Amino acid sequence: MSEARTRFYLGSYTATSGGRGEGVSVFERQSRDGQWKLIQVAPVDDPSFLTLTEGEVHVVSETAAGRVVSFTNSAGELVPASIAASGGSAPCHVVVDPASGSLVVANYTAGTVAVLSADALDPARVARVLPLPAGTGPHVERQEAPHAHSATPTPWGTLLVADLGTDRLFEVAVDPITLEPSFVGAHALPAGSGPRHLAWLGEQLVVAGELDGCLHVLSHSAEGFTLDYSVLACDPSVEAGTGETLLSHIEVQGGRVYVAVRGRDTLAVLAGSEPDGGTDTATDTATAGRLALVAEVPCGGRWPRHFAIDAGEMLVANQLSDTVAVLPIDPATGVPGAPTALIATGSPACIAFA
């Protein structure tokens, strides 16, 4: 097991949107067994998602104006460095593009993806904006227009933008010199799936469908992406929470897929299935290796919006219970256990270990 990290940054929803957070919080502990302590809060309106570069922290301010706020890290303290337009309203995700070194922002309400310099000290950063193509989906209230929800780098140097509004993944390339984004292709997903976050499982892509509660597993070839299969990310025979299955964040660790299920207030763990040795060998062969639900456990709070995994622990941002739950992960099964600690903090939204 790797050495546990001793600092994390926490985004939140603030009074601007009716939340109880105060900005970007910095937590530290002295050792793996130590208690997490709040050491700083950097005021930002609705810093709902963040990403790190060397010595810098970049957050989106998920407001109507849409901003990217960047900080430098000086002697362990966040110092405001610059503010730039995000390229649209309600930015909800930001990621570093490894191919160009730029920041790529998904603007949810605007339905745009934008690219800007990752240099926090550049006061003149300008977002290069790429509107997503028009479209709708079958969910009238949630899919009335394009809604960019995240951007995920590919192994071959592009990014996949999840459009919750139109059930598509848009593949985007960023020019490394001009930072101009351009479309490479579009890949359709099941109608009403509402793609939110993505993760790579080896060479396969796993898409969390916020609206249908399913993980959609895709393979890639020269012709594009092909949907291999879909699997429900919960146990419908067990009642939990409000009964909704609104998938949020997804991560892959040790061959297992972890996904947060809002509404049910659970964390689902899925892994590749083994042949069951039954008489139907054709079905056995066809389903072997496919993701199957291993466990669905309580998240330690309400409305698990995001989580992060490090050194056998999972920290869960439970937005509506105003807590970050610290869950130990069983080294044998990979299943999170009951919380060992609850960190009180207003409307947590995103966690990033330093």
Protein backbone atom coordinates (compact mmCIF):
# COMPACT_ATOMS: atom_id res chain seq x y z
CA MET A 1 0.00 0.00 0.00
CA SER A 2 1.29 3.45 -0.92
CA GLU A 3 1.90 6.07 1.74
CA ALA A 4 -1.27 7.94 2.64
CA ARG A 5 -1.40 11.56 1.62
CA THR A 6 -1.82 14.24 4.23
CA ARG A 7 -3.61 17.08 2.39
CA PHE A 8 -6.74 17.44 0.31
CA TYR A 9 -8.65 20.29 -1.29
CA LEU A 10 -12.42 20.47 -1.11
CA GLY A 11 -14.81 22.32 -3.40
CA SER A 12 -18.30 23.25 -2.23
CA TYR A 13 -21.59 24.96 -2.97
CA THR A 14 -21.90 28.34 -1.29
CA ALA A 15 -24.71 30.74 -0.42
CA THR A 16 -24.76 31.87 -4.06
CA SER A 17 -26.72 28.71 -4.93
CA GLY A 18 -28.26 28.10 -1.51
CA GLY A 19 -25.39 25.96 -0.26
CA ARG A 20 -23.62 26.09 3.08
CA GLY A 21 -20.01 26.02 1.93
CA GLU A 22 -17.65 28.99 2.13
CA GLY A 23 -15.28 28.30 -0.77
CA VAL A 24 -12.29 26.04 -1.33
CA SER A 25 -11.27 24.33 1.90
CA VAL A 26 -7.84 22.91 2.67
CA PHE A 27 -7.57 19.98 5.07
CA GLU A 28 -4.42 18.41 6.48
CA ARG A 29 -3.40 15.62 8.86
CA GLN A 30 -0.05 14.72 10.37
CA SER A 31 -0.17 11.00 9.58
CA ARG A 32 -2.42 8.29 8.18
CA ASP A 33 -3.96 7.73 11.60
CA GLY A 34 -4.28 11.43 12.37
CA GLN A 35 -7.44 13.51 12.23
CA TRP A 36 -8.17 15.73 9.26
CA LYS A 37 -8.13 19.41 10.29
CA LEU A 38 -9.29 22.47 8.40
CA ILE A 39 -6.36 24.85 7.89
CA GLN A 40 -7.68 27.33 5.31
CA VAL A 41 -10.79 28.42 3.40
CA ALA A 42 -10.27 30.39 0.20
CA PRO A 43 -13.49 32.29 -0.64
CA VAL A 44 -14.96 31.46 -4.06
CA ASP A 45 -18.59 31.40 -5.20
CA ASP A 46 -19.74 27.81 -5.83
CA PRO A 47 -16.34 26.16 -6.45
CA SER A 48 -17.99 22.87 -7.41
CA PHE A 49 -15.04 21.16 -9.15
CA LEU A 50 -11.28 21.53 -9.06
CA THR A 51 -8.08 20.17 -10.53
CA LEU A 52 -4.40 20.51 -9.65
CA THR A 53 -1.27 21.37 -11.60
CA GLU A 54 2.26 21.72 -10.22
CA GLY A 55 2.00 24.18 -7.33
CA GLU A 56 -1.42 25.42 -8.44
CA VAL A 57 -5.11 24.75 -7.83
CA HIS A 58 -7.77 25.58 -10.43
CA VAL A 59 -11.50 25.65 -9.61
CA VAL A 60 -14.65 26.37 -11.56
CA SER A 61 -17.10 28.85 -10.10
CA GLU A 62 -20.43 27.28 -11.10
CA THR A 63 -22.35 30.52 -11.46
CA ALA A 64 -24.32 32.19 -14.24
CA ALA A 65 -21.28 34.30 -15.07
CA GLY A 66 -18.98 31.25 -15.18
CA ARG A 67 -15.43 31.67 -13.96
CA VAL A 68 -12.19 29.71 -13.55
CA VAL A 69 -10.39 30.78 -10.39
CA SER A 70 -6.74 29.82 -9.97
CA PHE A 71 -4.51 29.78 -6.90
CA THR A 72 -0.83 29.26 -6.32
CA ASN A 73 0.40 27.29 -3.35
CA SER A 74 2.82 29.35 -1.29
CA ALA A 75 4.28 27.73 1.83
CA GLY A 76 1.23 25.48 2.02
CA GLU A 77 -1.29 28.30 1.67
CA LEU A 78 -3.56 29.02 -1.28
CA VAL A 79 -2.89 32.48 -2.71
CA PRO A 80 -5.31 33.98 -5.28
CA ALA A 81 -3.58 34.25 -8.65
CA SER A 82 -6.10 34.94 -11.42
CA ILE A 83 -9.71 34.78 -12.53
CA ALA A 84 -10.82 34.03 -16.10
CA ALA A 85 -14.13 33.58 -17.88
CA SER A 86 -15.02 29.90 -18.23
CA GLY A 87 -16.59 30.26 -21.65
CA GLY A 88 -20.17 29.77 -20.57
CA SER A 89 -22.63 29.62 -17.70
CA ALA A 90 -22.51 27.07 -14.87
CA PRO A 91 -19.09 25.45 -15.40
CA CYS A 92 -19.21 22.13 -13.53
CA HIS A 93 -15.98 20.34 -14.46
CA VAL A 94 -12.36 21.18 -15.21
CA VAL A 95 -9.51 18.89 -16.21
CA VAL A 96 -5.94 19.20 -17.43
CA ASP A 97 -5.49 18.05 -21.03
CA PRO A 98 -2.22 16.06 -21.04
CA ALA A 99 -1.69 16.58 -24.77
CA SER A 100 -1.76 20.41 -24.74
CA GLY A 101 -1.18 21.17 -21.05
CA SER A 102 -4.29 23.35 -21.05
CA LEU A 103 -7.35 23.49 -18.82
CA VAL A 104 -10.54 22.14 -20.38
CA VAL A 105 -13.83 23.29 -18.86
CA ALA A 106 -17.33 21.84 -19.28
CA ASN A 107 -20.00 24.55 -19.02
CA TYR A 108 -23.21 22.76 -18.12
CA THR A 109 -25.98 25.30 -18.71
CA ALA A 110 -24.30 26.93 -21.68
CA GLY A 111 -23.63 23.59 -23.35
CA THR A 112 -20.08 24.56 -24.26
CA VAL A 113 -16.56 23.24 -23.77
CA ALA A 114 -13.79 25.79 -23.35
CA VAL A 115 -9.99 25.69 -23.31
CA LEU A 116 -7.66 28.09 -21.57
CA SER A 117 -4.08 28.29 -20.37
CA ALA A 118 -3.22 26.40 -17.20
CA ASP A 119 -0.86 29.16 -16.12
CA ALA A 120 -2.41 30.52 -12.93
CA LEU A 121 -0.23 33.62 -13.12
CA ASP A 122 -1.48 34.64 -16.57
CA PRO A 123 -3.91 37.52 -15.89
CA ALA A 124 -4.95 37.70 -19.55
CA ARG A 125 -6.18 34.15 -20.05
CA VAL A 126 -8.89 33.86 -22.70
CA ALA A 127 -11.19 30.86 -23.08
CA ARG A 128 -11.44 29.31 -26.54
CA VAL A 129 -15.07 28.24 -26.69
CA LEU A 130 -16.61 25.35 -28.63
CA PRO A 131 -20.44 25.11 -28.47
CA LEU A 132 -21.82 21.58 -28.51
CA PRO A 133 -24.11 20.73 -31.45
CA ALA A 134 -27.83 21.24 -30.90
CA GLY A 135 -29.92 18.33 -29.71
CA THR A 136 -32.28 16.98 -27.08
CA GLY A 137 -33.04 13.77 -25.22
CA PRO A 138 -36.16 11.99 -23.94
CA HIS A 139 -36.00 13.51 -20.43
CA VAL A 140 -37.90 16.73 -21.01
CA GLU A 141 -36.70 18.55 -17.89
CA ARG A 142 -33.04 17.52 -18.05
CA GLN A 143 -32.43 17.04 -21.77
CA GLU A 144 -33.97 20.08 -23.41
CA ALA A 145 -30.59 21.18 -24.81
CA PRO A 146 -26.88 20.21 -24.77
CA HIS A 147 -25.35 20.09 -21.29
CA ALA A 148 -21.60 19.52 -21.11
CA HIS A 149 -20.93 17.67 -17.84
CA SER A 150 -17.28 16.58 -17.99
CA ALA A 151 -14.22 16.18 -20.21
CA THR A 152 -12.03 13.08 -20.02
CA PRO A 153 -8.64 12.64 -21.75
CA THR A 154 -8.17 9.66 -24.07
CA PRO A 155 -4.97 7.60 -24.35
CA TRP A 156 -4.49 8.87 -27.91
CA GLY A 157 -4.48 12.60 -27.09
CA THR A 158 -8.05 13.81 -27.51
CA LEU A 159 -10.80 14.44 -24.95
CA LEU A 160 -14.29 13.04 -24.59
CA VAL A 161 -16.93 15.56 -23.56
CA ALA A 162 -19.99 14.01 -21.93
CA ASP A 163 -23.17 15.73 -23.10
CA LEU A 164 -25.88 14.84 -20.60
CA GLY A 165 -28.46 16.74 -22.62
CA THR A 166 -28.20 14.80 -25.87
CA ASP A 167 -26.83 11.38 -24.80
CA ARG A 168 -23.61 11.80 -26.78
CA LEU A 169 -19.87 11.84 -26.25
CA PHE A 170 -18.14 14.47 -28.33
CA GLU A 171 -14.49 13.83 -29.11
CA VAL A 172 -12.45 17.03 -29.09
CA ALA A 173 -8.84 17.80 -30.02
CA VAL A 174 -6.96 20.82 -28.66
CA ASP A 175 -4.31 22.51 -30.77
CA PRO A 176 -1.17 22.55 -28.58
CA ILE A 177 -0.07 25.94 -29.93
CA THR A 178 -3.26 27.99 -30.24
CA LEU A 179 -5.31 25.98 -27.69
CA GLU A 180 -8.22 26.07 -30.13
CA PRO A 181 -10.60 23.10 -29.65
CA SER A 182 -12.18 21.26 -32.57
CA PHE A 183 -14.52 18.32 -33.00
CA VAL A 184 -13.07 14.96 -34.00
CA GLY A 185 -16.23 12.89 -33.78
CA ALA A 186 -19.48 12.15 -31.96
CA HIS A 187 -20.47 8.89 -30.29
CA ALA A 188 -24.07 8.09 -29.40
CA LEU A 189 -25.13 6.48 -26.13
CA PRO A 190 -28.46 4.89 -25.16
CA ALA A 191 -31.35 7.35 -25.22
CA GLY A 192 -32.05 8.82 -21.81
CA SER A 193 -28.75 7.67 -20.30
CA GLY A 194 -27.55 11.19 -19.49
CA PRO A 195 -23.75 10.68 -19.51
CA ARG A 196 -22.03 12.44 -16.62
CA HIS A 197 -18.54 11.17 -15.70
CA LEU A 198 -16.26 8.70 -17.49
CA ALA A 199 -13.41 6.39 -16.49
CA TRP A 200 -11.05 4.06 -18.30
CA LEU A 201 -11.06 0.36 -17.39
CA GLY A 202 -8.05 -0.93 -19.30
CA GLU A 203 -8.88 -0.29 -22.96
CA GLN A 204 -12.60 0.00 -22.29
CA LEU A 205 -14.44 3.20 -21.47
CA VAL A 206 -17.01 3.17 -18.66
CA VAL A 207 -19.67 5.89 -18.76
CA ALA A 208 -21.83 6.72 -15.74
CA GLY A 209 -25.38 7.39 -16.90
CA GLU A 210 -26.78 9.91 -14.44
CA LEU A 211 -30.34 9.55 -15.68
CA ASP A 212 -30.71 5.80 -16.26
CA GLY A 213 -28.61 4.53 -13.34
CA CYS A 214 -26.45 2.37 -15.60
CA LEU A 215 -22.79 2.01 -16.41
CA HIS A 216 -22.26 1.81 -20.16
CA VAL A 217 -19.12 -0.04 -21.26
CA LEU A 218 -17.65 0.86 -24.65
CA SER A 219 -14.80 -0.41 -26.79
CA HIS A 220 -12.80 1.73 -29.20
CA SER A 221 -11.57 0.98 -32.70
CA ALA A 222 -10.61 2.94 -35.81
CA GLU A 223 -14.33 3.29 -36.56
CA GLY A 224 -15.08 4.86 -33.18
CA PHE A 225 -16.77 3.60 -30.02
CA THR A 226 -19.04 0.57 -29.79
CA LEU A 227 -21.37 -0.10 -26.88
CA ASP A 228 -20.46 -3.53 -25.52
CA TYR A 229 -23.09 -3.70 -22.77
CA SER A 230 -24.80 -1.77 -19.98
CA VAL A 231 -25.19 -2.76 -16.34
CA LEU A 232 -27.35 -1.31 -13.58
CA ALA A 233 -25.18 0.25 -10.86
CA CYS A 234 -27.36 -0.73 -7.92
CA ASP A 235 -29.41 -3.59 -6.52
CA PRO A 236 -33.06 -2.75 -7.36
CA SER A 237 -34.32 -5.45 -5.01
CA VAL A 238 -33.03 -3.41 -2.03
CA GLU A 239 -34.75 -0.17 -1.09
CA ALA A 240 -32.44 2.71 -0.19
CA GLY A 241 -32.81 6.44 0.34
CA THR A 242 -35.35 8.11 -1.92
CA GLY A 243 -35.10 5.30 -4.46
CA GLU A 244 -33.60 7.55 -7.14
CA THR A 245 -30.52 6.25 -8.97
CA LEU A 246 -28.71 9.42 -10.02
CA LEU A 247 -25.15 8.34 -10.70
CA SER A 248 -22.48 10.98 -10.11
CA HIS A 249 -18.75 10.30 -9.87
CA ILE A 250 -16.95 7.17 -11.09
CA GLU A 251 -13.41 5.89 -10.51
CA VAL A 252 -11.47 2.75 -11.37
CA GLN A 253 -9.05 1.29 -8.81
CA GLY A 254 -7.45 -2.15 -8.85
CA GLY A 255 -9.71 -3.43 -11.63
CA ARG A 256 -12.82 -2.44 -9.69
CA VAL A 257 -15.27 0.27 -10.67
CA TYR A 258 -16.63 2.56 -7.96
CA VAL A 259 -19.63 4.80 -8.56
CA ALA A 260 -21.60 7.10 -6.27
CA VAL A 261 -25.39 6.77 -6.39
CA ARG A 262 -27.28 9.85 -5.26
CA GLY A 263 -30.84 9.35 -4.10
CA ARG A 264 -30.02 5.88 -2.80
CA ASP A 265 -27.09 7.43 -0.88
CA THR A 266 -24.86 4.49 -1.67
CA LEU A 267 -21.55 3.55 -3.25
CA ALA A 268 -21.62 0.75 -5.79
CA VAL A 269 -18.65 -1.53 -6.42
CA LEU A 270 -18.49 -3.51 -9.65
CA ALA A 271 -15.89 -5.94 -10.96
CA GLY A 272 -15.41 -8.35 -13.83
CA SER A 273 -17.57 -11.45 -13.42
CA GLU A 274 -16.23 -15.00 -13.43
CA PRO A 275 -17.81 -17.94 -15.30
CA ASP A 276 -20.41 -19.56 -13.02
CA GLY A 277 -19.80 -23.07 -14.30
CA GLY A 278 -23.45 -23.56 -15.30
CA THR A 279 -24.78 -25.70 -18.12
CA ASP A 280 -25.35 -22.76 -20.49
CA THR A 281 -21.77 -22.46 -21.65
CA ALA A 282 -22.57 -20.01 -24.45
CA THR A 283 -24.09 -17.51 -22.01
CA ASP A 284 -21.31 -18.22 -19.53
CA THR A 285 -18.66 -17.36 -22.12
CA ALA A 286 -20.49 -14.26 -23.37
CA THR A 287 -20.87 -12.72 -19.91
CA ALA A 288 -17.48 -13.70 -18.43
CA GLY A 289 -15.44 -10.64 -17.64
CA ARG A 290 -18.38 -8.27 -17.79
CA LEU A 291 -18.85 -5.88 -14.91
CA ALA A 292 -21.21 -7.14 -12.24
CA LEU A 293 -22.32 -5.60 -8.97
CA VAL A 294 -20.11 -6.80 -6.11
CA ALA A 295 -21.57 -4.64 -3.36
CA GLU A 296 -23.68 -1.56 -2.72
CA VAL A 297 -22.94 0.09 0.62
CA PRO A 298 -24.02 3.26 2.45
CA CYS A 299 -22.00 6.36 1.59
CA GLY A 300 -21.90 7.64 5.17
CA GLY A 301 -24.17 10.61 4.50
CA ARG A 302 -26.62 12.08 2.01
CA TRP A 303 -26.19 12.84 -1.69
CA PRO A 304 -22.67 11.55 -2.51
CA ARG A 305 -21.65 14.03 -5.18
CA HIS A 306 -17.98 13.08 -5.46
CA PHE A 307 -15.31 10.92 -3.87
CA ALA A 308 -11.57 10.32 -3.99
CA ILE A 309 -9.57 7.18 -3.19
CA ASP A 310 -6.10 7.08 -1.67
CA ALA A 311 -4.09 4.35 0.08
CA GLY A 312 -7.00 2.15 1.10
CA GLU A 313 -9.36 4.96 2.05
CA MET A 314 -12.26 6.64 0.30
CA LEU A 315 -13.30 10.19 1.12
CA VAL A 316 -16.90 10.92 0.10
CA ALA A 317 -18.31 14.42 -0.39
CA ASN A 318 -21.88 14.02 0.91
CA GLN A 319 -23.40 17.28 -0.22
CA LEU A 320 -26.74 17.29 1.60
CA SER A 321 -25.48 16.04 4.97
CA ASP A 322 -22.64 18.60 5.10
CA THR A 323 -20.01 15.94 5.71
CA VAL A 324 -17.03 14.25 4.15
CA ALA A 325 -17.14 10.59 5.17
CA VAL A 326 -13.86 8.69 5.58
CA LEU A 327 -14.42 5.05 4.60
CA PRO A 328 -11.82 2.27 4.87
CA ILE A 329 -11.59 -0.01 1.84
CA ASP A 330 -11.26 -3.72 2.51
CA PRO A 331 -7.95 -4.78 0.91
CA ALA A 332 -9.34 -8.19 -0.07
CA THR A 333 -12.78 -7.33 -1.42
CA GLY A 334 -12.29 -3.67 -2.33
CA VAL A 335 -15.58 -2.83 -0.63
CA PRO A 336 -15.81 0.39 1.46
CA GLY A 337 -16.73 -0.10 5.11
CA ALA A 338 -18.51 2.00 7.70
CA PRO A 339 -17.13 5.53 8.23
CA THR A 340 -14.19 5.86 10.59
CA ALA A 341 -14.69 9.64 10.66
CA LEU A 342 -17.13 12.30 9.52
CA ILE A 343 -15.67 15.69 8.67
CA ALA A 344 -18.20 18.48 9.16
CA THR A 345 -18.14 20.93 6.24
CA GLY A 346 -20.79 22.83 4.31
CA SER A 347 -22.20 21.38 1.06
CA PRO A 348 -19.05 19.51 -0.10
CA ALA A 349 -18.88 18.96 -3.85
CA CYS A 350 -15.42 17.78 -4.98
CA ILE A 351 -12.31 16.27 -3.38
CA ALA A 352 -8.74 16.30 -4.70
CA PHE A 353 -5.75 14.91 -2.84
CA ALA A 354 -2.58 16.99 -3.01
